[in-house]
Amino acid sequence: MEIRLASAEKQAFRDAAEVAGIPLSAWARERLRRAAVRELEEAARPIPFLS
């Protein structure tokens, strides 16, 4: 997966990952998983990575 970010966004994400004490990739993956679960549950859709 590739994603385009403004430099300020990327820095904010790096900072948040540092505060959480995890690498940026792990931070992004965890947050994307949370968002996917929330949105798919709201749409009553299956969540493939929870099967």
N, C-alpha and C. Protein backbone atom coordinates (compact mmCIF):
# COMPACT_ATOMS: atom_id res chain seq x y z
N MET A 1 0.85 -1.16 0.00
CA MET A 1 0.00 0.00 0.00
C MET A 1 0.90 1.23 0.00
N GLU A 2 0.56 2.19 -0.81
CA GLU A 2 1.25 3.47 -0.82
C GLU A 2 0.25 4.55 -0.46
N ILE A 3 0.73 5.57 0.21
CA ILE A 3 -0.16 6.66 0.60
C ILE A 3 0.62 7.97 0.47
N ARG A 4 -0.03 8.97 -0.06
CA ARG A 4 0.60 10.29 -0.18
C ARG A 4 0.17 11.13 1.02
N LEU A 5 1.14 11.78 1.62
CA LEU A 5 0.88 12.61 2.79
C LEU A 5 1.57 13.95 2.63
N ALA A 6 0.98 14.95 3.22
CA ALA A 6 1.68 16.22 3.36
C ALA A 6 2.78 16.01 4.39
N SER A 7 3.85 16.76 4.29
CA SER A 7 4.96 16.57 5.22
C SER A 7 4.53 16.79 6.66
N ALA A 8 3.62 17.73 6.89
CA ALA A 8 3.13 17.98 8.25
C ALA A 8 2.33 16.79 8.77
N GLU A 9 1.56 16.15 7.90
CA GLU A 9 0.81 14.96 8.32
C GLU A 9 1.77 13.84 8.70
N LYS A 10 2.77 13.62 7.85
CA LYS A 10 3.72 12.54 8.12
C LYS A 10 4.45 12.79 9.44
N GLN A 11 4.83 14.03 9.69
CA GLN A 11 5.52 14.33 10.94
C GLN A 11 4.61 14.11 12.14
N ALA A 12 3.35 14.50 12.01
CA ALA A 12 2.40 14.28 13.10
C ALA A 12 2.22 12.79 13.36
N PHE A 13 2.17 11.98 12.31
CA PHE A 13 2.03 10.54 12.47
C PHE A 13 3.28 9.95 13.12
N ARG A 14 4.45 10.42 12.71
CA ARG A 14 5.70 9.97 13.34
C ARG A 14 5.71 10.32 14.82
N ASP A 15 5.30 11.54 15.12
CA ASP A 15 5.26 11.99 16.52
C ASP A 15 4.30 11.13 17.34
N ALA A 16 3.13 10.84 16.78
CA ALA A 16 2.14 10.02 17.49
C ALA A 16 2.68 8.61 17.71
N ALA A 17 3.36 8.05 16.72
CA ALA A 17 3.94 6.72 16.86
C ALA A 17 5.01 6.73 17.95
N GLU A 18 5.80 7.79 17.99
CA GLU A 18 6.83 7.90 19.03
C GLU A 18 6.20 7.96 20.42
N VAL A 19 5.14 8.74 20.55
CA VAL A 19 4.43 8.83 21.84
C VAL A 19 3.89 7.47 22.24
N ALA A 20 3.38 6.71 21.25
CA ALA A 20 2.84 5.37 21.52
C ALA A 20 3.95 4.34 21.76
N GLY A 21 5.18 4.70 21.41
CA GLY A 21 6.30 3.80 21.63
C GLY A 21 6.39 2.66 20.65
N ILE A 22 5.89 2.89 19.43
CA ILE A 22 5.92 1.85 18.41
C ILE A 22 6.39 2.46 17.08
N PRO A 23 6.87 1.61 16.17
CA PRO A 23 7.28 2.11 14.85
C PRO A 23 6.10 2.71 14.10
N LEU A 24 6.40 3.64 13.21
CA LEU A 24 5.36 4.30 12.43
C LEU A 24 4.49 3.31 11.67
N SER A 25 5.10 2.29 11.07
CA SER A 25 4.30 1.31 10.30
C SER A 25 3.32 0.57 11.20
N ALA A 26 3.75 0.20 12.40
CA ALA A 26 2.85 -0.48 13.33
C ALA A 26 1.74 0.46 13.78
N TRP A 27 2.09 1.71 14.03
CA TRP A 27 1.09 2.70 14.45
C TRP A 27 0.03 2.87 13.36
N ALA A 28 0.48 3.03 12.12
CA ALA A 28 -0.47 3.22 11.02
C ALA A 28 -1.34 1.98 10.82
N ARG A 29 -0.73 0.79 10.87
CA ARG A 29 -1.49 -0.45 10.69
C ARG A 29 -2.55 -0.60 11.77
N GLU A 30 -2.20 -0.35 13.02
CA GLU A 30 -3.17 -0.47 14.11
C GLU A 30 -4.32 0.51 13.94
N ARG A 31 -4.01 1.75 13.58
CA ARG A 31 -5.07 2.76 13.41
C ARG A 31 -5.95 2.43 12.22
N LEU A 32 -5.37 1.96 11.12
CA LEU A 32 -6.17 1.58 9.95
C LEU A 32 -7.07 0.39 10.27
N ARG A 33 -6.55 -0.57 11.02
CA ARG A 33 -7.38 -1.72 11.42
C ARG A 33 -8.57 -1.27 12.26
N ARG A 34 -8.33 -0.39 13.22
CA ARG A 34 -9.43 0.13 14.06
C ARG A 34 -10.48 0.82 13.21
N ALA A 35 -10.04 1.66 12.29
CA ALA A 35 -10.98 2.40 11.43
C ALA A 35 -11.77 1.42 10.55
N ALA A 36 -11.09 0.41 10.01
CA ALA A 36 -11.76 -0.56 9.16
C ALA A 36 -12.82 -1.34 9.94
N VAL A 37 -12.47 -1.77 11.15
CA VAL A 37 -13.44 -2.51 11.97
C VAL A 37 -14.65 -1.63 12.23
N ARG A 38 -14.44 -0.40 12.65
CA ARG A 38 -15.55 0.50 12.96
C ARG A 38 -16.46 0.70 11.74
N GLU A 39 -15.86 1.02 10.61
CA GLU A 39 -16.67 1.32 9.43
C GLU A 39 -17.36 0.07 8.88
N LEU A 40 -16.68 -1.07 8.89
CA LEU A 40 -17.31 -2.29 8.39
C LEU A 40 -18.41 -2.77 9.32
N GLU A 41 -18.21 -2.64 10.63
CA GLU A 41 -19.28 -3.01 11.57
C GLU A 41 -20.50 -2.12 11.36
N GLU A 42 -20.29 -0.82 11.18
CA GLU A 42 -21.41 0.10 10.95
C GLU A 42 -22.17 -0.25 9.69
N ALA A 43 -21.46 -0.79 8.69
CA ALA A 43 -22.09 -1.16 7.42
C ALA A 43 -22.56 -2.61 7.41
N ALA A 44 -22.44 -3.29 8.56
CA ALA A 44 -22.82 -4.71 8.67
C ALA A 44 -22.12 -5.55 7.62
N ARG A 45 -20.84 -5.27 7.42
CA ARG A 45 -20.04 -6.02 6.44
C ARG A 45 -19.05 -6.90 7.17
N PRO A 46 -18.63 -8.01 6.56
CA PRO A 46 -17.64 -8.87 7.20
C PRO A 46 -16.28 -8.17 7.29
N ILE A 47 -15.49 -8.60 8.27
CA ILE A 47 -14.17 -8.04 8.48
C ILE A 47 -13.18 -9.16 8.21
N PRO A 48 -12.61 -9.21 7.01
CA PRO A 48 -11.79 -10.35 6.60
C PRO A 48 -10.64 -10.69 7.56
N PHE A 49 -9.98 -9.72 8.14
CA PHE A 49 -8.84 -10.03 8.99
C PHE A 49 -9.21 -10.48 10.39
N LEU A 50 -10.51 -10.53 10.70
CA LEU A 50 -10.96 -11.05 11.99
C LEU A 50 -11.51 -12.47 11.88
N SER A 51 -11.54 -13.00 10.67
CA SER A 51 -12.08 -14.35 10.45
C SER A 51 -11.09 -15.41 10.87
